[in-house]
Amino acid sequence: MKATFDIPDELYRRVKARSAMEGRPMRSVAVQLFQNWLATLPAPEVQPPPAGLTQAELAAAPWLAITQPYVKPGQGHDMDDIRAALAKGWAAEIAEKIPCPGAKP
């Protein structure tokens, strides 16, 4: 897969120079950096499929697993319902993290 990134000119020149001194293509340097970064991430928490979904449904629409904290049992799988549930859940999470001016602690 090809990807395009905007990086600062000075950083690009330094990476290009070092990769040339080591005789490595910049592509291999970038791939190694991505692999190293991913290796430092903790393993994702495995959650069971959302209630009411079969493995076939989950395989056909894996993004449904992401909605698990926000979609309530019995709620439709219609995209509008899912978007509304995500927005409501996300807003509640953000509201907990952002102090309201004038609110008593």
PDB file of N, CA and C in Angstrom:
ATOM      1  N   MET A   1       0.840  -1.164   0.000  1.00  0.00           N
ATOM      2  CA  MET A   1       0.000   0.000   0.000  1.00  0.00           C
ATOM      3  C   MET A   1       0.893   1.238   0.000  1.00  0.00           C
ATOM      4  N   LYS A   2       0.491   2.216  -0.733  1.00  0.00           N
ATOM      5  CA  LYS A   2       1.225   3.475  -0.755  1.00  0.00           C
ATOM      6  C   LYS A   2       0.536   4.467   0.158  1.00  0.00           C
ATOM      7  N   ALA A   3       1.333   5.305   0.797  1.00  0.00           N
ATOM      8  CA  ALA A   3       0.798   6.340   1.678  1.00  0.00           C
ATOM      9  C   ALA A   3       1.634   7.601   1.498  1.00  0.00           C
ATOM     10  N   THR A   4       1.014   8.729   1.684  1.00  0.00           N
ATOM     11  CA  THR A   4       1.704  10.004   1.580  1.00  0.00           C
ATOM     12  C   THR A   4       1.624  10.704   2.925  1.00  0.00           C
ATOM     13  N   PHE A   5       2.764  11.183   3.403  1.00  0.00           N
ATOM     14  CA  PHE A   5       2.825  11.878   4.683  1.00  0.00           C
ATOM     15  C   PHE A   5       3.483  13.228   4.487  1.00  0.00           C
ATOM     16  N   ASP A   6       2.989  14.207   5.200  1.00  0.00           N
ATOM     17  CA  ASP A   6       3.645  15.508   5.256  1.00  0.00           C
ATOM     18  C   ASP A   6       4.479  15.533   6.520  1.00  0.00           C
ATOM     19  N   ILE A   7       5.797  15.614   6.349  1.00  0.00           N
ATOM     20  CA  ILE A   7       6.686  15.714   7.504  1.00  0.00           C
ATOM     21  C   ILE A   7       7.554  16.944   7.320  1.00  0.00           C
ATOM     22  N   PRO A   8       8.071  17.483   8.401  1.00  0.00           N
ATOM     23  CA  PRO A   8       8.905  18.678   8.301  1.00  0.00           C
ATOM     24  C   PRO A   8      10.121  18.433   7.401  1.00  0.00           C
ATOM     25  N   ASP A   9      10.480  19.437   6.625  1.00  0.00           N
ATOM     26  CA  ASP A   9      11.593  19.319   5.676  1.00  0.00           C
ATOM     27  C   ASP A   9      12.886  18.890   6.358  1.00  0.00           C
ATOM     28  N   GLU A  10      13.200  19.506   7.487  1.00  0.00           N
ATOM     29  CA  GLU A  10      14.451  19.188   8.190  1.00  0.00           C
ATOM     30  C   GLU A  10      14.467  17.728   8.634  1.00  0.00           C
ATOM     31  N   LEU A  11      13.370  17.234   9.144  1.00  0.00           N
ATOM     32  CA  LEU A  11      13.283  15.840   9.553  1.00  0.00           C
ATOM     33  C   LEU A  11      13.471  14.926   8.344  1.00  0.00           C
ATOM     34  N   TYR A  12      12.823  15.259   7.245  1.00  0.00           N
ATOM     35  CA  TYR A  12      12.957  14.454   6.029  1.00  0.00           C
ATOM     36  C   TYR A  12      14.423  14.392   5.592  1.00  0.00           C
ATOM     37  N   ARG A  13      15.094  15.538   5.583  1.00  0.00           N
ATOM     38  CA  ARG A  13      16.498  15.564   5.147  1.00  0.00           C
ATOM     39  C   ARG A  13      17.374  14.702   6.057  1.00  0.00           C
ATOM     40  N   ARG A  14      17.125  14.767   7.358  1.00  0.00           N
ATOM     41  CA  ARG A  14      17.929  13.976   8.295  1.00  0.00           C
ATOM     42  C   ARG A  14      17.692  12.485   8.110  1.00  0.00           C
ATOM     43  N   VAL A  15      16.426  12.102   7.947  1.00  0.00           N
ATOM     44  CA  VAL A  15      16.104  10.675   7.744  1.00  0.00           C
ATOM     45  C   VAL A  15      16.683  10.199   6.416  1.00  0.00           C
ATOM     46  N   LYS A  16      16.538  10.999   5.383  1.00  0.00           N
ATOM     47  CA  LYS A  16      17.060  10.645   4.057  1.00  0.00           C
ATOM     48  C   LYS A  16      18.574  10.461   4.116  1.00  0.00           C
ATOM     49  N   ALA A  17      19.274  11.373   4.796  1.00  0.00           N
ATOM     50  CA  ALA A  17      20.730  11.286   4.898  1.00  0.00           C
ATOM     51  C   ALA A  17      21.150  10.039   5.667  1.00  0.00           C
ATOM     52  N   ARG A  18      20.516   9.792   6.790  1.00  0.00           N
ATOM     53  CA  ARG A  18      20.896   8.624   7.587  1.00  0.00           C
ATOM     54  C   ARG A  18      20.587   7.326   6.858  1.00  0.00           C
ATOM     55  N   SER A  19      19.428   7.256   6.213  1.00  0.00           N
ATOM     56  CA  SER A  19      19.095   6.027   5.489  1.00  0.00           C
ATOM     57  C   SER A  19      20.081   5.803   4.346  1.00  0.00           C
ATOM     58  N   ALA A  20      20.530   6.888   3.698  1.00  0.00           N
ATOM     59  CA  ALA A  20      21.525   6.757   2.627  1.00  0.00           C
ATOM     60  C   ALA A  20      22.859   6.281   3.189  1.00  0.00           C
ATOM     61  N   MET A  21      23.262   6.827   4.348  1.00  0.00           N
ATOM     62  CA  MET A  21      24.533   6.403   4.957  1.00  0.00           C
ATOM     63  C   MET A  21      24.489   4.925   5.340  1.00  0.00           C
ATOM     64  N   GLU A  22      23.325   4.443   5.735  1.00  0.00           N
ATOM     65  CA  GLU A  22      23.185   3.028   6.103  1.00  0.00           C
ATOM     66  C   GLU A  22      22.884   2.142   4.911  1.00  0.00           C
ATOM     67  N   GLY A  23      22.670   2.775   3.736  1.00  0.00           N
ATOM     68  CA  GLY A  23      22.371   1.995   2.543  1.00  0.00           C
ATOM     69  C   GLY A  23      20.994   1.353   2.573  1.00  0.00           C
ATOM     70  N   ARG A  24      20.084   1.985   3.261  1.00  0.00           N
ATOM     71  CA  ARG A  24      18.722   1.455   3.374  1.00  0.00           C
ATOM     72  C   ARG A  24      17.759   2.394   2.675  1.00  0.00           C
ATOM     73  N   PRO A  25      16.772   1.838   1.978  1.00  0.00           N
ATOM     74  CA  PRO A  25      15.741   2.710   1.402  1.00  0.00           C
ATOM     75  C   PRO A  25      14.883   3.306   2.525  1.00  0.00           C
ATOM     76  N   MET A  26      14.381   4.499   2.288  1.00  0.00           N
ATOM     77  CA  MET A  26      13.535   5.148   3.295  1.00  0.00           C
ATOM     78  C   MET A  26      12.301   4.316   3.596  1.00  0.00           C
ATOM     79  N   ARG A  27      11.827   3.576   2.593  1.00  0.00           N
ATOM     80  CA  ARG A  27      10.659   2.732   2.815  1.00  0.00           C
ATOM     81  C   ARG A  27      10.916   1.728   3.923  1.00  0.00           C
ATOM     82  N   SER A  28      12.087   1.081   3.915  1.00  0.00           N
ATOM     83  CA  SER A  28      12.376   0.079   4.946  1.00  0.00           C
ATOM     84  C   SER A  28      12.516   0.731   6.317  1.00  0.00           C
ATOM     85  N   VAL A  29      13.047   1.963   6.356  1.00  0.00           N
ATOM     86  CA  VAL A  29      13.140   2.692   7.623  1.00  0.00           C
ATOM     87  C   VAL A  29      11.734   2.970   8.152  1.00  0.00           C
ATOM     88  N   ALA A  30      10.838   3.449   7.288  1.00  0.00           N
ATOM     89  CA  ALA A  30       9.474   3.762   7.706  1.00  0.00           C
ATOM     90  C   ALA A  30       8.748   2.503   8.169  1.00  0.00           C
ATOM     91  N   VAL A  31       8.896   1.409   7.440  1.00  0.00           N
ATOM     92  CA  VAL A  31       8.245   0.152   7.823  1.00  0.00           C
ATOM     93  C   VAL A  31       8.751  -0.298   9.189  1.00  0.00           C
ATOM     94  N   GLN A  32      10.070  -0.213   9.407  1.00  0.00           N
ATOM     95  CA  GLN A  32      10.630  -0.612  10.698  1.00  0.00           C
ATOM     96  C   GLN A  32      10.093   0.270  11.827  1.00  0.00           C
ATOM     97  N   LEU A  33       9.990   1.560  11.587  1.00  0.00           N
ATOM     98  CA  LEU A  33       9.459   2.466  12.607  1.00  0.00           C
ATOM     99  C   LEU A  33       8.013   2.120  12.955  1.00  0.00           C
ATOM    100  N   PHE A  34       7.201   1.855  11.938  1.00  0.00           N
ATOM    101  CA  PHE A  34       5.807   1.473  12.196  1.00  0.00           C
ATOM    102  C   PHE A  34       5.737   0.164  12.977  1.00  0.00           C
ATOM    103  N   GLN A  35       6.545  -0.821  12.581  1.00  0.00           N
ATOM    104  CA  GLN A  35       6.534  -2.111  13.276  1.00  0.00           C
ATOM    105  C   GLN A  35       6.969  -1.957  14.731  1.00  0.00           C
ATOM    106  N   ASN A  36       8.020  -1.157  14.969  1.00  0.00           N
ATOM    107  CA  ASN A  36       8.492  -0.934  16.339  1.00  0.00           C
ATOM    108  C   ASN A  36       7.429  -0.230  17.173  1.00  0.00           C
ATOM    109  N   TRP A  37       6.758   0.738  16.571  1.00  0.00           N
ATOM    110  CA  TRP A  37       5.716   1.477  17.289  1.00  0.00           C
ATOM    111  C   TRP A  37       4.566   0.547  17.667  1.00  0.00           C
ATOM    112  N   LEU A  38       4.127  -0.280  16.722  1.00  0.00           N
ATOM    113  CA  LEU A  38       3.038  -1.211  17.007  1.00  0.00           C
ATOM    114  C   LEU A  38       3.430  -2.237  18.063  1.00  0.00           C
ATOM    115  N   ALA A  39       4.689  -2.628  18.074  1.00  0.00           N
ATOM    116  CA  ALA A  39       5.157  -3.621  19.045  1.00  0.00           C
ATOM    117  C   ALA A  39       5.122  -3.066  20.467  1.00  0.00           C
ATOM    118  N   THR A  40       5.169  -1.752  20.632  1.00  0.00           N
ATOM    119  CA  THR A  40       5.164  -1.161  21.967  1.00  0.00           C
ATOM    120  C   THR A  40       3.761  -0.959  22.509  1.00  0.00           C
ATOM    121  N   LEU A  41       2.745  -1.102  21.671  1.00  0.00           N
ATOM    122  CA  LEU A  41       1.367  -0.911  22.114  1.00  0.00           C
ATOM    123  C   LEU A  41       0.907  -2.115  22.918  1.00  0.00           C
ATOM    124  N   PRO A  42       0.127  -1.898  23.978  1.00  0.00           N
ATOM    125  CA  PRO A  42      -0.412  -3.048  24.700  1.00  0.00           C
ATOM    126  C   PRO A  42      -1.388  -3.813  23.809  1.00  0.00           C
ATOM    127  N   ALA A  43      -1.504  -5.083  24.078  1.00  0.00           N
ATOM    128  CA  ALA A  43      -2.436  -5.907  23.300  1.00  0.00           C
ATOM    129  C   ALA A  43      -3.852  -5.384  23.520  1.00  0.00           C
ATOM    130  N   PRO A  44      -4.641  -5.310  22.455  1.00  0.00           N
ATOM    131  CA  PRO A  44      -6.015  -4.814  22.629  1.00  0.00           C
ATOM    132  C   PRO A  44      -6.811  -5.763  23.512  1.00  0.00           C
ATOM    133  N   GLU A  45      -7.698  -5.171  24.299  1.00  0.00           N
ATOM    134  CA  GLU A  45      -8.548  -5.959  25.166  1.00  0.00           C
ATOM    135  C   GLU A  45      -9.578  -6.686  24.306  1.00  0.00           C
ATOM    136  N   VAL A  46      -9.630  -7.987  24.437  1.00  0.00           N
ATOM    137  CA  VAL A  46     -10.571  -8.774  23.655  1.00  0.00           C
ATOM    138  C   VAL A  46     -11.916  -8.761  24.366  1.00  0.00           C
ATOM    139  N   GLN A  47     -12.915  -8.320  23.655  1.00  0.00           N
ATOM    140  CA  GLN A  47     -14.254  -8.270  24.225  1.00  0.00           C
ATOM    141  C   GLN A  47     -15.144  -9.256  23.481  1.00  0.00           C
ATOM    142  N   PRO A  48     -16.118  -9.815  24.194  1.00  0.00           N
ATOM    143  CA  PRO A  48     -17.040 -10.716  23.503  1.00  0.00           C
ATOM    144  C   PRO A  48     -17.870  -9.929  22.496  1.00  0.00           C
ATOM    145  N   PRO A  49     -18.412 -10.609  21.491  1.00  0.00           N
ATOM    146  CA  PRO A  49     -19.243  -9.906  20.518  1.00  0.00           C
ATOM    147  C   PRO A  49     -20.424  -9.235  21.213  1.00  0.00           C
ATOM    148  N   PRO A  50     -20.892  -8.123  20.683  1.00  0.00           N
ATOM    149  CA  PRO A  50     -22.059  -7.460  21.262  1.00  0.00           C
ATOM    150  C   PRO A  50     -23.230  -8.423  21.366  1.00  0.00           C
ATOM    151  N   ALA A  51     -24.018  -8.240  22.405  1.00  0.00           N
ATOM    152  CA  ALA A  51     -25.167  -9.114  22.640  1.00  0.00           C
ATOM    153  C   ALA A  51     -26.081  -9.145  21.424  1.00  0.00           C
ATOM    154  N   GLY A  52     -26.541 -10.330  21.100  1.00  0.00           N
ATOM    155  CA  GLY A  52     -27.495 -10.466  20.014  1.00  0.00           C
ATOM    156  C   GLY A  52     -26.870 -10.588  18.632  1.00  0.00           C
ATOM    157  N   LEU A  53     -25.549 -10.495  18.539  1.00  0.00           N
ATOM    158  CA  LEU A  53     -24.908 -10.625  17.232  1.00  0.00           C
ATOM    159  C   LEU A  53     -24.360 -12.037  17.062  1.00  0.00           C
ATOM    160  N   THR A  54     -24.565 -12.587  15.910  1.00  0.00           N
ATOM    161  CA  THR A  54     -23.972 -13.876  15.603  1.00  0.00           C
ATOM    162  C   THR A  54     -22.558 -13.645  15.093  1.00  0.00           C
ATOM    163  N   GLN A  55     -21.765 -14.694  15.068  1.00  0.00           N
ATOM    164  CA  GLN A  55     -20.408 -14.576  14.533  1.00  0.00           C
ATOM    165  C   GLN A  55     -20.448 -14.171  13.062  1.00  0.00           C
ATOM    166  N   ALA A  56     -21.450 -14.644  12.333  1.00  0.00           N
ATOM    167  CA  ALA A  56     -21.575 -14.288  10.912  1.00  0.00           C
ATOM    168  C   ALA A  56     -21.843 -12.795  10.755  1.00  0.00           C
ATOM    169  N   GLU A  57     -22.724 -12.246  11.611  1.00  0.00           N
ATOM    170  CA  GLU A  57     -23.012 -10.811  11.542  1.00  0.00           C
ATOM    171  C   GLU A  57     -21.770  -9.998  11.885  1.00  0.00           C
ATOM    172  N   LEU A  58     -21.037 -10.444  12.902  1.00  0.00           N
ATOM    173  CA  LEU A  58     -19.836  -9.741  13.313  1.00  0.00           C
ATOM    174  C   LEU A  58     -18.767  -9.813  12.223  1.00  0.00           C
ATOM    175  N   ALA A  59     -18.656 -10.963  11.569  1.00  0.00           N
ATOM    176  CA  ALA A  59     -17.687 -11.100  10.484  1.00  0.00           C
ATOM    177  C   ALA A  59     -18.052 -10.203   9.297  1.00  0.00           C
ATOM    178  N   ALA A  60     -19.361 -10.053   9.053  1.00  0.00           N
ATOM    179  CA  ALA A  60     -19.812  -9.221   7.938  1.00  0.00           C
ATOM    180  C   ALA A  60     -19.669  -7.734   8.240  1.00  0.00           C
ATOM    181  N   ALA A  61     -19.725  -7.366   9.526  1.00  0.00           N
ATOM    182  CA  ALA A  61     -19.637  -5.951   9.921  1.00  0.00           C
ATOM    183  C   ALA A  61     -18.808  -5.845  11.197  1.00  0.00           C
ATOM    184  N   PRO A  62     -17.460  -5.998  11.109  1.00  0.00           N
ATOM    185  CA  PRO A  62     -16.623  -6.007  12.311  1.00  0.00           C
ATOM    186  C   PRO A  62     -16.661  -4.708  13.105  1.00  0.00           C
ATOM    187  N   TRP A  63     -17.034  -3.622  12.464  1.00  0.00           N
ATOM    188  CA  TRP A  63     -17.111  -2.337  13.161  1.00  0.00           C
ATOM    189  C   TRP A  63     -18.167  -2.349  14.250  1.00  0.00           C
ATOM    190  N   LEU A  64     -19.111  -3.308  14.203  1.00  0.00           N
ATOM    191  CA  LEU A  64     -20.143  -3.381  15.245  1.00  0.00           C
ATOM    192  C   LEU A  64     -19.531  -3.638  16.621  1.00  0.00           C
ATOM    193  N   ALA A  65     -18.399  -4.358  16.671  1.00  0.00           N
ATOM    194  CA  ALA A  65     -17.759  -4.630  17.957  1.00  0.00           C
ATOM    195  C   ALA A  65     -17.311  -3.336  18.627  1.00  0.00           C
ATOM    196  N   ILE A  66     -16.936  -2.343  17.859  1.00  0.00           N
ATOM    197  CA  ILE A  66     -16.487  -1.059  18.402  1.00  0.00           C
ATOM    198  C   ILE A  66     -17.642  -0.346  19.091  1.00  0.00           C
ATOM    199  N   THR A  67     -18.832  -0.578  18.619  1.00  0.00           N
ATOM    200  CA  THR A  67     -20.002   0.121  19.166  1.00  0.00           C
ATOM    201  C   THR A  67     -20.521  -0.503  20.449  1.00  0.00           C
ATOM    202  N   GLN A  68     -19.952  -1.617  20.870  1.00  0.00           N
ATOM    203  CA  GLN A  68     -20.472  -2.372  22.016  1.00  0.00           C
ATOM    204  C   GLN A  68     -20.757  -1.513  23.247  1.00  0.00           C
ATOM    205  N   PRO A  69     -19.873  -0.595  23.654  1.00  0.00           N
ATOM    206  CA  PRO A  69     -20.184   0.175  24.861  1.00  0.00           C
ATOM    207  C   PRO A  69     -21.370   1.121  24.704  1.00  0.00           C
ATOM    208  N   TYR A  70     -21.757   1.425  23.486  1.00  0.00           N
ATOM    209  CA  TYR A  70     -22.765   2.453  23.255  1.00  0.00           C
ATOM    210  C   TYR A  70     -24.123   1.916  22.801  1.00  0.00           C
ATOM    211  N   VAL A  71     -24.128   0.760  22.179  1.00  0.00           N
ATOM    212  CA  VAL A  71     -25.376   0.210  21.658  1.00  0.00           C
ATOM    213  C   VAL A  71     -26.004  -0.659  22.732  1.00  0.00           C
ATOM    214  N   LYS A  72     -27.244  -0.383  23.034  1.00  0.00           N
ATOM    215  CA  LYS A  72     -27.964  -1.107  24.080  1.00  0.00           C
ATOM    216  C   LYS A  72     -28.658  -2.333  23.487  1.00  0.00           C
ATOM    217  N   PRO A  73     -28.852  -3.390  24.303  1.00  0.00           N
ATOM    218  CA  PRO A  73     -29.561  -4.571  23.815  1.00  0.00           C
ATOM    219  C   PRO A  73     -30.938  -4.178  23.267  1.00  0.00           C
ATOM    220  N   GLY A  74     -31.292  -4.779  22.173  1.00  0.00           N
ATOM    221  CA  GLY A  74     -32.579  -4.501  21.549  1.00  0.00           C
ATOM    222  C   GLY A  74     -32.560  -3.311  20.616  1.00  0.00           C
ATOM    223  N   GLN A  75     -31.468  -2.568  20.628  1.00  0.00           N
ATOM    224  CA  GLN A  75     -31.365  -1.411  19.736  1.00  0.00           C
ATOM    225  C   GLN A  75     -31.061  -1.915  18.330  1.00  0.00           C
ATOM    226  N   GLY A  76     -31.596  -1.223  17.347  1.00  0.00           N
ATOM    227  CA  GLY A  76     -31.399  -1.639  15.968  1.00  0.00           C
ATOM    228  C   GLY A  76     -29.963  -1.512  15.506  1.00  0.00           C
ATOM    229  N   HIS A  77     -29.663  -2.170  14.435  1.00  0.00           N
ATOM    230  CA  HIS A  77     -28.331  -2.122  13.849  1.00  0.00           C
ATOM    231  C   HIS A  77     -28.315  -1.174  12.655  1.00  0.00           C
ATOM    232  N   ASP A  78     -29.342  -0.378  12.554  1.00  0.00           N
ATOM    233  CA  ASP A  78     -29.411   0.620  11.498  1.00  0.00           C
ATOM    234  C   ASP A  78     -28.323   1.667  11.743  1.00  0.00           C
ATOM    235  N   MET A  79     -27.663   2.126  10.677  1.00  0.00           N
ATOM    236  CA  MET A  79     -26.559   3.073  10.829  1.00  0.00           C
ATOM    237  C   MET A  79     -26.988   4.344  11.554  1.00  0.00           C
ATOM    238  N   ASP A  80     -28.188   4.826  11.318  1.00  0.00           N
ATOM    239  CA  ASP A  80     -28.639   6.036  12.014  1.00  0.00           C
ATOM    240  C   ASP A  80     -28.748   5.792  13.518  1.00  0.00           C
ATOM    241  N   ASP A  81     -29.262   4.617  13.912  1.00  0.00           N
ATOM    242  CA  ASP A  81     -29.350   4.269  15.331  1.00  0.00           C
ATOM    243  C   ASP A  81     -27.959   4.174  15.945  1.00  0.00           C
ATOM    244  N   ILE A  82     -27.047   3.547  15.231  1.00  0.00           N
ATOM    245  CA  ILE A  82     -25.686   3.365  15.732  1.00  0.00           C
ATOM    246  C   ILE A  82     -24.982   4.712  15.858  1.00  0.00           C
ATOM    247  N   ARG A  83     -25.116   5.554  14.843  1.00  0.00           N
ATOM    248  CA  ARG A  83     -24.491   6.884  14.913  1.00  0.00           C
ATOM    249  C   ARG A  83     -25.031   7.680  16.099  1.00  0.00           C
ATOM    250  N   ALA A  84     -26.327   7.626  16.316  1.00  0.00           N
ATOM    251  CA  ALA A  84     -26.929   8.360  17.433  1.00  0.00           C
ATOM    252  C   ALA A  84     -26.419   7.824  18.767  1.00  0.00           C
ATOM    253  N   ALA A  85     -26.332   6.506  18.904  1.00  0.00           N
ATOM    254  CA  ALA A  85     -25.848   5.912  20.148  1.00  0.00           C
ATOM    255  C   ALA A  85     -24.383   6.276  20.391  1.00  0.00           C
ATOM    256  N   LEU A  86     -23.572   6.224  19.341  1.00  0.00           N
ATOM    257  CA  LEU A  86     -22.166   6.601  19.475  1.00  0.00           C
ATOM    258  C   LEU A  86     -22.024   8.059  19.879  1.00  0.00           C
ATOM    259  N   ALA A  87     -22.771   8.922  19.234  1.00  0.00           N
ATOM    260  CA  ALA A  87     -22.696  10.353  19.550  1.00  0.00           C
ATOM    261  C   ALA A  87     -23.102  10.609  20.989  1.00  0.00           C
ATOM    262  N   LYS A  88     -24.157   9.958  21.439  1.00  0.00           N
ATOM    263  CA  LYS A  88     -24.643  10.149  22.806  1.00  0.00           C
ATOM    264  C   LYS A  88     -23.607   9.624  23.815  1.00  0.00           C
ATOM    265  N   GLY A  89     -23.071   8.444  23.548  1.00  0.00           N
ATOM    266  CA  GLY A  89     -22.069   7.867  24.449  1.00  0.00           C
ATOM    267  C   GLY A  89     -20.789   8.675  24.474  1.00  0.00           C
ATOM    268  N   TRP A  90     -20.346   9.120  23.315  1.00  0.00           N
ATOM    269  CA  TRP A  90     -19.120   9.916  23.218  1.00  0.00           C
ATOM    270  C   TRP A  90     -19.314  11.241  23.946  1.00  0.00           C
ATOM    271  N   ALA A  91     -20.462  11.864  23.749  1.00  0.00           N
ATOM    272  CA  ALA A  91     -20.731  13.143  24.407  1.00  0.00           C
ATOM    273  C   ALA A  91     -20.724  12.972  25.922  1.00  0.00           C
ATOM    274  N   ALA A  92     -21.273  11.877  26.420  1.00  0.00           N
ATOM    275  CA  ALA A  92     -21.290  11.635  27.862  1.00  0.00           C
ATOM    276  C   ALA A  92     -19.870  11.443  28.394  1.00  0.00           C
ATOM    277  N   GLU A  93     -19.032  10.720  27.652  1.00  0.00           N
ATOM    278  CA  GLU A  93     -17.642  10.522  28.073  1.00  0.00           C
ATOM    279  C   GLU A  93     -16.894  11.848  28.116  1.00  0.00           C
ATOM    280  N   ILE A  94     -17.076  12.663  27.102  1.00  0.00           N
ATOM    281  CA  ILE A  94     -16.391  13.957  27.039  1.00  0.00           C
ATOM    282  C   ILE A  94     -16.895  14.872  28.148  1.00  0.00           C
ATOM    283  N   ALA A  95     -18.194  14.851  28.395  1.00  0.00           N
ATOM    284  CA  ALA A  95     -18.773  15.710  29.432  1.00  0.00           C
ATOM    285  C   ALA A  95     -18.177  15.390  30.799  1.00  0.00           C
ATOM    286  N   GLU A  96     -17.858  14.117  31.047  1.00  0.00           N
ATOM    287  CA  GLU A  96     -17.241  13.732  32.322  1.00  0.00           C
ATOM    288  C   GLU A  96     -15.828  14.283  32.452  1.00  0.00           C
ATOM    289  N   LYS A  97     -15.131  14.442  31.338  1.00  0.00           N
ATOM    290  CA  LYS A  97     -13.728  14.859  31.347  1.00  0.00           C
ATOM    291  C   LYS A  97     -13.533  16.367  31.305  1.00  0.00           C
ATOM    292  N   ILE A  98     -14.535  17.093  30.820  1.00  0.00           N
ATOM    293  CA  ILE A  98     -14.398  18.535  30.676  1.00  0.00           C
ATOM    294  C   ILE A  98     -15.193  19.215  31.782  1.00  0.00           C
ATOM    295  N   PRO A  99     -14.485  19.994  32.631  1.00  0.00           N
ATOM    296  CA  PRO A  99     -15.214  20.676  33.695  1.00  0.00           C
ATOM    297  C   PRO A  99     -16.112  21.775  33.134  1.00  0.00           C
ATOM    298  N   CYS A 100     -17.292  21.890  33.689  1.00  0.00           N
ATOM    299  CA  CYS A 100     -18.234  22.942  33.276  1.00  0.00           C
ATOM    300  C   CYS A 100     -17.916  24.221  34.033  1.00  0.00           C
ATOM    301  N   PRO A 101     -17.838  25.356  33.344  1.00  0.00           N
ATOM    302  CA  PRO A 101     -17.629  26.616  34.052  1.00  0.00           C
ATOM    303  C   PRO A 101     -18.797  26.878  35.007  1.00  0.00           C
ATOM    304  N   GLY A 102     -18.482  27.265  36.186  1.00  0.00           N
ATOM    305  CA  GLY A 102     -19.521  27.586  37.161  1.00  0.00           C
ATOM    306  C   GLY A 102     -20.067  26.385  37.901  1.00  0.00           C
ATOM    307  N   ALA A 103     -19.659  25.189  37.522  1.00  0.00           N
ATOM    308  CA  ALA A 103     -20.147  23.988  38.209  1.00  0.00           C
ATOM    309  C   ALA A 103     -19.392  23.819  39.523  1.00  0.00           C
ATOM    310  N   LYS A 104     -20.084  23.306  40.510  1.00  0.00           N
ATOM    311  CA  LYS A 104     -19.458  23.074  41.814  1.00  0.00           C
ATOM    312  C   LYS A 104     -18.726  21.755  41.782  1.00  0.00           C
ATOM    313  N   PRO A 105     -17.465  21.741  42.260  1.00  0.00           N
ATOM    314  CA  PRO A 105     -16.692  20.481  42.251  1.00  0.00           C
ATOM    315  C   PRO A 105     -17.214  19.466  43.232  1.00  0.00           C
TER     316      PRO A 105
END
